[in-house]
Every structure is written in structure tokens, then in C-alpha cells.
Amino acid sequence: MGNTASVQTEASDSAQQPATTASAPETKPKKKICCACPDTKKLRDDCIVQNGEDACGKFIEAHLQCLRAEGFSV
């Protein structure tokens, strides 16, 4: 009976492992936040420097949407 328990434990562990691995890439970003969305980041930063943060809401929101699409929770 001791062998049966260890076999079930190994089967359970191996069954759980792929499920955890499969869900991890979906929730964990592949890049660092500083390297994600360089195009929208540049547009946002240029707008803020030239016009101030209050005038650049659409660029800020576009960058946030891009970051969320990359898997960041911002």
C-alpha cells in the first residue's frame, strides 16, 4: 500500500505541474516594464515633456493599455 500512495502522489504532482506552468506565462510578463511598449512610451514621454501631463491623457492611456496587453497590472 505504501507504493500506491507514492505513485498517486507522483501522479498528482506531475498532473499539477503542467497546469501551473501553463498558467504562469499568461500572468507573468515576458519583459521588464521598462522595456515593454517602447513606441507608446516614447510618444507619452515626448508629449509630457512638451505639453505637460494634463494635456497627454490619450498617450498615457494608450501606453497603459499596451502595458496591460503585455501582462502588467497597471
PDB file of N, CA and C in Angstrom:
ATOM      1  N   MET A   1       0.822  -1.194   0.000  1.00  0.00           N
ATOM      2  CA  MET A   1       0.000   0.000   0.000  1.00  0.00           C
ATOM      3  C   MET A   1       0.862   1.253   0.000  1.00  0.00           C
ATOM      4  N   GLY A   2       2.016   1.174   0.577  1.00  0.00           N
ATOM      5  CA  GLY A   2       2.889   2.333   0.584  1.00  0.00           C
ATOM      6  C   GLY A   2       3.284   2.754  -0.817  1.00  0.00           C
ATOM      7  N   ASN A   3       3.448   1.795  -1.717  1.00  0.00           N
ATOM      8  CA  ASN A   3       3.794   2.113  -3.099  1.00  0.00           C
ATOM      9  C   ASN A   3       2.649   2.810  -3.813  1.00  0.00           C
ATOM     10  N   THR A   4       1.437   2.422  -3.515  1.00  0.00           N
ATOM     11  CA  THR A   4       0.273   3.020  -4.156  1.00  0.00           C
ATOM     12  C   THR A   4       0.177   4.499  -3.805  1.00  0.00           C
ATOM     13  N   ALA A   5       0.416   4.835  -2.559  1.00  0.00           N
ATOM     14  CA  ALA A   5       0.332   6.228  -2.124  1.00  0.00           C
ATOM     15  C   ALA A   5       1.395   7.073  -2.820  1.00  0.00           C
ATOM     16  N   SER A   6       2.601   6.537  -2.927  1.00  0.00           N
ATOM     17  CA  SER A   6       3.658   7.317  -3.572  1.00  0.00           C
ATOM     18  C   SER A   6       3.410   7.458  -5.066  1.00  0.00           C
ATOM     19  N   VAL A   7       2.820   6.455  -5.682  1.00  0.00           N
ATOM     20  CA  VAL A   7       2.503   6.550  -7.101  1.00  0.00           C
ATOM     21  C   VAL A   7       1.429   7.603  -7.322  1.00  0.00           C
ATOM     22  N   GLN A   8       0.426   7.641  -6.455  1.00  0.00           N
ATOM     23  CA  GLN A   8      -0.627   8.638  -6.583  1.00  0.00           C
ATOM     24  C   GLN A   8      -0.066  10.032  -6.348  1.00  0.00           C
ATOM     25  N   THR A   9       0.819  10.164  -5.397  1.00  0.00           N
ATOM     26  CA  THR A   9       1.421  11.463  -5.119  1.00  0.00           C
ATOM     27  C   THR A   9       2.230  11.945  -6.326  1.00  0.00           C
ATOM     28  N   GLU A  10       3.014  11.040  -6.912  1.00  0.00           N
ATOM     29  CA  GLU A  10       3.798  11.417  -8.084  1.00  0.00           C
ATOM     30  C   GLU A  10       2.895  11.786  -9.244  1.00  0.00           C
ATOM     31  N   ALA A  11       1.824  11.036  -9.421  1.00  0.00           N
ATOM     32  CA  ALA A  11       0.885  11.331 -10.496  1.00  0.00           C
ATOM     33  C   ALA A  11       0.202  12.678 -10.252  1.00  0.00           C
ATOM     34  N   SER A  12      -0.139  12.939  -9.007  1.00  0.00           N
ATOM     35  CA  SER A  12      -0.780  14.213  -8.678  1.00  0.00           C
ATOM     36  C   SER A  12       0.177  15.371  -8.907  1.00  0.00           C
ATOM     37  N   ASP A  13       1.432  15.196  -8.490  1.00  0.00           N
ATOM     38  CA  ASP A  13       2.421  16.251  -8.672  1.00  0.00           C
ATOM     39  C   ASP A  13       2.660  16.540 -10.149  1.00  0.00           C
ATOM     40  N   SER A  14       2.783  15.479 -10.946  1.00  0.00           N
ATOM     41  CA  SER A  14       3.039  15.700 -12.356  1.00  0.00           C
ATOM     42  C   SER A  14       1.817  16.268 -13.059  1.00  0.00           C
ATOM     43  N   ALA A  15       0.628  15.942 -12.576  1.00  0.00           N
ATOM     44  CA  ALA A  15      -0.595  16.483 -13.172  1.00  0.00           C
ATOM     45  C   ALA A  15      -0.746  17.964 -12.828  1.00  0.00           C
ATOM     46  N   GLN A  16      -0.339  18.353 -11.644  1.00  0.00           N
ATOM     47  CA  GLN A  16      -0.468  19.745 -11.234  1.00  0.00           C
ATOM     48  C   GLN A  16       0.615  20.612 -11.854  1.00  0.00           C
ATOM     49  N   GLN A  17       1.765  20.073 -12.060  1.00  0.00           N
ATOM     50  CA  GLN A  17       2.895  20.851 -12.559  1.00  0.00           C
ATOM     51  C   GLN A  17       2.632  21.490 -13.919  1.00  0.00           C
ATOM     52  N   PRO A  18       2.162  20.757 -14.933  1.00  0.00           N
ATOM     53  CA  PRO A  18       1.924  21.397 -16.220  1.00  0.00           C
ATOM     54  C   PRO A  18       0.841  22.467 -16.153  1.00  0.00           C
ATOM     55  N   ALA A  19      -0.167  22.276 -15.317  1.00  0.00           N
ATOM     56  CA  ALA A  19      -1.223  23.276 -15.200  1.00  0.00           C
ATOM     57  C   ALA A  19      -0.651  24.579 -14.644  1.00  0.00           C
ATOM     58  N   THR A  20       0.219  24.467 -13.652  1.00  0.00           N
ATOM     59  CA  THR A  20       0.849  25.650 -13.078  1.00  0.00           C
ATOM     60  C   THR A  20       1.763  26.309 -14.099  1.00  0.00           C
ATOM     61  N   THR A  21       2.528  25.521 -14.814  1.00  0.00           N
ATOM     62  CA  THR A  21       3.440  26.054 -15.825  1.00  0.00           C
ATOM     63  C   THR A  21       2.666  26.720 -16.958  1.00  0.00           C
ATOM     64  N   ALA A  22       1.543  26.131 -17.336  1.00  0.00           N
ATOM     65  CA  ALA A  22       0.760  26.688 -18.435  1.00  0.00           C
ATOM     66  C   ALA A  22       0.143  28.028 -18.070  1.00  0.00           C
ATOM     67  N   SER A  23      -0.274  28.208 -16.824  1.00  0.00           N
ATOM     68  CA  SER A  23      -0.911  29.458 -16.439  1.00  0.00           C
ATOM     69  C   SER A  23       0.107  30.546 -16.094  1.00  0.00           C
ATOM     70  N   ALA A  24       1.308  30.159 -15.726  1.00  0.00           N
ATOM     71  CA  ALA A  24       2.310  31.143 -15.332  1.00  0.00           C
ATOM     72  C   ALA A  24       2.683  32.101 -16.474  1.00  0.00           C
ATOM     73  N   PRO A  25       2.946  31.634 -17.692  1.00  0.00           N
ATOM     74  CA  PRO A  25       3.307  32.573 -18.759  1.00  0.00           C
ATOM     75  C   PRO A  25       2.190  33.560 -19.090  1.00  0.00           C
ATOM     76  N   GLU A  26       0.933  33.172 -18.882  1.00  0.00           N
ATOM     77  CA  GLU A  26      -0.171  34.068 -19.186  1.00  0.00           C
ATOM     78  C   GLU A  26      -0.217  35.249 -18.227  1.00  0.00           C
ATOM     79  N   THR A  27       0.160  35.035 -16.967  1.00  0.00           N
ATOM     80  CA  THR A  27       0.055  36.089 -15.972  1.00  0.00           C
ATOM     81  C   THR A  27       1.369  36.830 -15.771  1.00  0.00           C
ATOM     82  N   LYS A  28       2.489  36.190 -16.059  1.00  0.00           N
ATOM     83  CA  LYS A  28       3.780  36.822 -15.844  1.00  0.00           C
ATOM     84  C   LYS A  28       4.265  37.475 -17.132  1.00  0.00           C
ATOM     85  N   PRO A  29       4.584  38.768 -17.074  1.00  0.00           N
ATOM     86  CA  PRO A  29       5.098  39.453 -18.272  1.00  0.00           C
ATOM     87  C   PRO A  29       6.413  38.848 -18.730  1.00  0.00           C
ATOM     88  N   LYS A  30       6.648  38.877 -20.025  1.00  0.00           N
ATOM     89  CA  LYS A  30       7.864  38.312 -20.594  1.00  0.00           C
ATOM     90  C   LYS A  30       9.022  39.296 -20.549  1.00  0.00           C
ATOM     91  N   LYS A  31       8.720  40.584 -20.404  1.00  0.00           N
ATOM     92  CA  LYS A  31       9.744  41.625 -20.406  1.00  0.00           C
ATOM     93  C   LYS A  31       9.690  42.395 -19.095  1.00  0.00           C
ATOM     94  N   LYS A  32      10.720  43.178 -18.856  1.00  0.00           N
ATOM     95  CA  LYS A  32      10.675  44.127 -17.747  1.00  0.00           C
ATOM     96  C   LYS A  32       9.797  45.287 -18.187  1.00  0.00           C
ATOM     97  N   ILE A  33       9.146  45.932 -17.234  1.00  0.00           N
ATOM     98  CA  ILE A  33       8.220  47.011 -17.574  1.00  0.00           C
ATOM     99  C   ILE A  33       8.937  48.168 -18.281  1.00  0.00           C
ATOM    100  N   CYS A  34      10.197  48.369 -17.971  1.00  0.00           N
ATOM    101  CA  CYS A  34      10.945  49.460 -18.612  1.00  0.00           C
ATOM    102  C   CYS A  34      11.198  49.200 -20.097  1.00  0.00           C
ATOM    103  N   CYS A  35      11.149  47.926 -20.507  1.00  0.00           N
ATOM    104  CA  CYS A  35      11.440  47.572 -21.895  1.00  0.00           C
ATOM    105  C   CYS A  35      10.190  47.287 -22.720  1.00  0.00           C
ATOM    106  N   ALA A  36       9.045  47.254 -22.066  1.00  0.00           N
ATOM    107  CA  ALA A  36       7.798  46.950 -22.768  1.00  0.00           C
ATOM    108  C   ALA A  36       7.247  48.215 -23.419  1.00  0.00           C
ATOM    109  N   CYS A  37       6.649  48.081 -24.558  1.00  0.00           N
ATOM    110  CA  CYS A  37       5.937  49.157 -25.266  1.00  0.00           C
ATOM    111  C   CYS A  37       6.797  50.401 -25.514  1.00  0.00           C
ATOM    112  N   PRO A  38       7.934  50.262 -26.170  1.00  0.00           N
ATOM    113  CA  PRO A  38       8.796  51.426 -26.364  1.00  0.00           C
ATOM    114  C   PRO A  38       8.173  52.520 -27.230  1.00  0.00           C
ATOM    115  N   ASP A  39       7.335  52.144 -28.186  1.00  0.00           N
ATOM    116  CA  ASP A  39       6.728  53.149 -29.063  1.00  0.00           C
ATOM    117  C   ASP A  39       5.769  54.053 -28.306  1.00  0.00           C
ATOM    118  N   THR A  40       4.854  53.433 -27.544  1.00  0.00           N
ATOM    119  CA  THR A  40       3.892  54.258 -26.796  1.00  0.00           C
ATOM    120  C   THR A  40       4.580  55.001 -25.656  1.00  0.00           C
ATOM    121  N   LYS A  41       5.634  54.422 -25.125  1.00  0.00           N
ATOM    122  CA  LYS A  41       6.383  55.090 -24.054  1.00  0.00           C
ATOM    123  C   LYS A  41       7.041  56.364 -24.575  1.00  0.00           C
ATOM    124  N   LYS A  42       7.648  56.283 -25.754  1.00  0.00           N
ATOM    125  CA  LYS A  42       8.304  57.462 -26.336  1.00  0.00           C
ATOM    126  C   LYS A  42       7.300  58.562 -26.635  1.00  0.00           C
ATOM    127  N   LEU A  43       6.169  58.187 -27.247  1.00  0.00           N
ATOM    128  CA  LEU A  43       5.140  59.193 -27.541  1.00  0.00           C
ATOM    129  C   LEU A  43       4.625  59.842 -26.254  1.00  0.00           C
ATOM    130  N   ARG A  44       4.386  59.023 -25.246  1.00  0.00           N
ATOM    131  CA  ARG A  44       3.906  59.547 -23.959  1.00  0.00           C
ATOM    132  C   ARG A  44       4.928  60.500 -23.349  1.00  0.00           C
ATOM    133  N   ASP A  45       6.175  60.073 -23.294  1.00  0.00           N
ATOM    134  CA  ASP A  45       7.220  60.888 -22.675  1.00  0.00           C
ATOM    135  C   ASP A  45       7.450  62.200 -23.425  1.00  0.00           C
ATOM    136  N   ASP A  46       7.487  62.137 -24.756  1.00  0.00           N
ATOM    137  CA  ASP A  46       7.667  63.358 -25.555  1.00  0.00           C
ATOM    138  C   ASP A  46       6.523  64.342 -25.330  1.00  0.00           C
ATOM    139  N   CYS A  47       5.310  63.823 -25.286  1.00  0.00           N
ATOM    140  CA  CYS A  47       4.152  64.688 -25.069  1.00  0.00           C
ATOM    141  C   CYS A  47       4.208  65.349 -23.698  1.00  0.00           C
ATOM    142  N   ILE A  48       4.557  64.571 -22.685  1.00  0.00           N
ATOM    143  CA  ILE A  48       4.608  65.126 -21.325  1.00  0.00           C
ATOM    144  C   ILE A  48       5.678  66.201 -21.214  1.00  0.00           C
ATOM    145  N   VAL A  49       6.831  65.978 -21.839  1.00  0.00           N
ATOM    146  CA  VAL A  49       7.914  66.972 -21.788  1.00  0.00           C
ATOM    147  C   VAL A  49       7.494  68.265 -22.479  1.00  0.00           C
ATOM    148  N   GLN A  50       6.829  68.157 -23.615  1.00  0.00           N
ATOM    149  CA  GLN A  50       6.463  69.334 -24.402  1.00  0.00           C
ATOM    150  C   GLN A  50       5.202  70.029 -23.893  1.00  0.00           C
ATOM    151  N   ASN A  51       4.211  69.248 -23.436  1.00  0.00           N
ATOM    152  CA  ASN A  51       2.900  69.832 -23.136  1.00  0.00           C
ATOM    153  C   ASN A  51       2.445  69.696 -21.691  1.00  0.00           C
ATOM    154  N   GLY A  52       3.136  68.903 -20.909  1.00  0.00           N
ATOM    155  CA  GLY A  52       2.701  68.656 -19.536  1.00  0.00           C
ATOM    156  C   GLY A  52       1.781  67.447 -19.464  1.00  0.00           C
ATOM    157  N   GLU A  53       1.718  66.849 -18.297  1.00  0.00           N
ATOM    158  CA  GLU A  53       0.966  65.610 -18.111  1.00  0.00           C
ATOM    159  C   GLU A  53      -0.527  65.776 -18.372  1.00  0.00           C
ATOM    160  N   ASP A  54      -1.095  66.907 -18.001  1.00  0.00           N
ATOM    161  CA  ASP A  54      -2.534  67.118 -18.151  1.00  0.00           C
ATOM    162  C   ASP A  54      -2.993  67.083 -19.606  1.00  0.00           C
ATOM    163  N   ALA A  55      -2.130  67.463 -20.534  1.00  0.00           N
ATOM    164  CA  ALA A  55      -2.505  67.524 -21.945  1.00  0.00           C
ATOM    165  C   ALA A  55      -2.254  66.209 -22.695  1.00  0.00           C
ATOM    166  N   CYS A  56      -1.768  65.195 -21.999  1.00  0.00           N
ATOM    167  CA  CYS A  56      -1.335  63.968 -22.688  1.00  0.00           C
ATOM    168  C   CYS A  56      -2.086  62.722 -22.240  1.00  0.00           C
ATOM    169  N   GLY A  57      -3.309  62.883 -21.821  1.00  0.00           N
ATOM    170  CA  GLY A  57      -4.097  61.765 -21.308  1.00  0.00           C
ATOM    171  C   GLY A  57      -4.243  60.626 -22.296  1.00  0.00           C
ATOM    172  N   LYS A  58      -4.435  60.951 -23.584  1.00  0.00           N
ATOM    173  CA  LYS A  58      -4.632  59.882 -24.571  1.00  0.00           C
ATOM    174  C   LYS A  58      -3.352  59.069 -24.770  1.00  0.00           C
ATOM    175  N   PHE A  59      -2.181  59.708 -24.696  1.00  0.00           N
ATOM    176  CA  PHE A  59      -0.916  58.987 -24.838  1.00  0.00           C
ATOM    177  C   PHE A  59      -0.622  58.140 -23.606  1.00  0.00           C
ATOM    178  N   ILE A  60      -0.953  58.690 -22.434  1.00  0.00           N
ATOM    179  CA  ILE A  60      -0.758  57.955 -21.188  1.00  0.00           C
ATOM    180  C   ILE A  60      -1.644  56.715 -21.176  1.00  0.00           C
ATOM    181  N   GLU A  61      -2.901  56.879 -21.548  1.00  0.00           N
ATOM    182  CA  GLU A  61      -3.837  55.753 -21.564  1.00  0.00           C
ATOM    183  C   GLU A  61      -3.434  54.712 -22.607  1.00  0.00           C
ATOM    184  N   ALA A  62      -2.961  55.150 -23.756  1.00  0.00           N
ATOM    185  CA  ALA A  62      -2.510  54.211 -24.791  1.00  0.00           C
ATOM    186  C   ALA A  62      -1.329  53.378 -24.282  1.00  0.00           C
ATOM    187  N   HIS A  63      -0.422  54.014 -23.557  1.00  0.00           N
ATOM    188  CA  HIS A  63       0.729  53.299 -23.016  1.00  0.00           C
ATOM    189  C   HIS A  63       0.280  52.304 -21.937  1.00  0.00           C
ATOM    190  N   LEU A  64      -0.650  52.706 -21.089  1.00  0.00           N
ATOM    191  CA  LEU A  64      -1.161  51.801 -20.060  1.00  0.00           C
ATOM    192  C   LEU A  64      -1.860  50.594 -20.673  1.00  0.00           C
ATOM    193  N   GLN A  65      -2.615  50.815 -21.731  1.00  0.00           N
ATOM    194  CA  GLN A  65      -3.285  49.702 -22.414  1.00  0.00           C
ATOM    195  C   GLN A  65      -2.260  48.742 -23.015  1.00  0.00           C
ATOM    196  N   CYS A  66      -1.210  49.277 -23.575  1.00  0.00           N
ATOM    197  CA  CYS A  66      -0.151  48.443 -24.141  1.00  0.00           C
ATOM    198  C   CYS A  66       0.514  47.610 -23.040  1.00  0.00           C
ATOM    199  N   LEU A  67       0.803  48.232 -21.902  1.00  0.00           N
ATOM    200  CA  LEU A  67       1.415  47.505 -20.786  1.00  0.00           C
ATOM    201  C   LEU A  67       0.495  46.400 -20.291  1.00  0.00           C
ATOM    202  N   ARG A  68      -0.788  46.680 -20.204  1.00  0.00           N
ATOM    203  CA  ARG A  68      -1.739  45.649 -19.769  1.00  0.00           C
ATOM    204  C   ARG A  68      -1.777  44.498 -20.760  1.00  0.00           C
ATOM    205  N   ALA A  69      -1.690  44.809 -22.033  1.00  0.00           N
ATOM    206  CA  ALA A  69      -1.680  43.759 -23.059  1.00  0.00           C
ATOM    207  C   ALA A  69      -0.429  42.890 -22.945  1.00  0.00           C
ATOM    208  N   GLU A  70       0.642  43.459 -22.430  1.00  0.00           N
ATOM    209  CA  GLU A  70       1.889  42.709 -22.231  1.00  0.00           C
ATOM    210  C   GLU A  70       1.878  41.888 -20.938  1.00  0.00           C
ATOM    211  N   GLY A  71       0.831  42.067 -20.119  1.00  0.00           N
ATOM    212  CA  GLY A  71       0.702  41.264 -18.908  1.00  0.00           C
ATOM    213  C   GLY A  71       0.983  42.002 -17.610  1.00  0.00           C
ATOM    214  N   PHE A  72       1.205  43.302 -17.675  1.00  0.00           N
ATOM    215  CA  PHE A  72       1.449  44.075 -16.457  1.00  0.00           C
ATOM    216  C   PHE A  72       0.133  44.542 -15.877  1.00  0.00           C
ATOM    217  N   SER A  73       0.044  44.604 -14.560  1.00  0.00           N
ATOM    218  CA  SER A  73      -1.170  45.105 -13.931  1.00  0.00           C
ATOM    219  C   SER A  73      -0.914  46.537 -13.454  1.00  0.00           C
ATOM    220  N   VAL A  74      -1.229  47.470 -14.315  1.00  0.00           N
ATOM    221  CA  VAL A  74      -1.039  48.897 -14.019  1.00  0.00           C
ATOM    222  C   VAL A  74      -2.352  49.621 -14.079  1.00  0.00           C
TER     223      VAL A  74
END
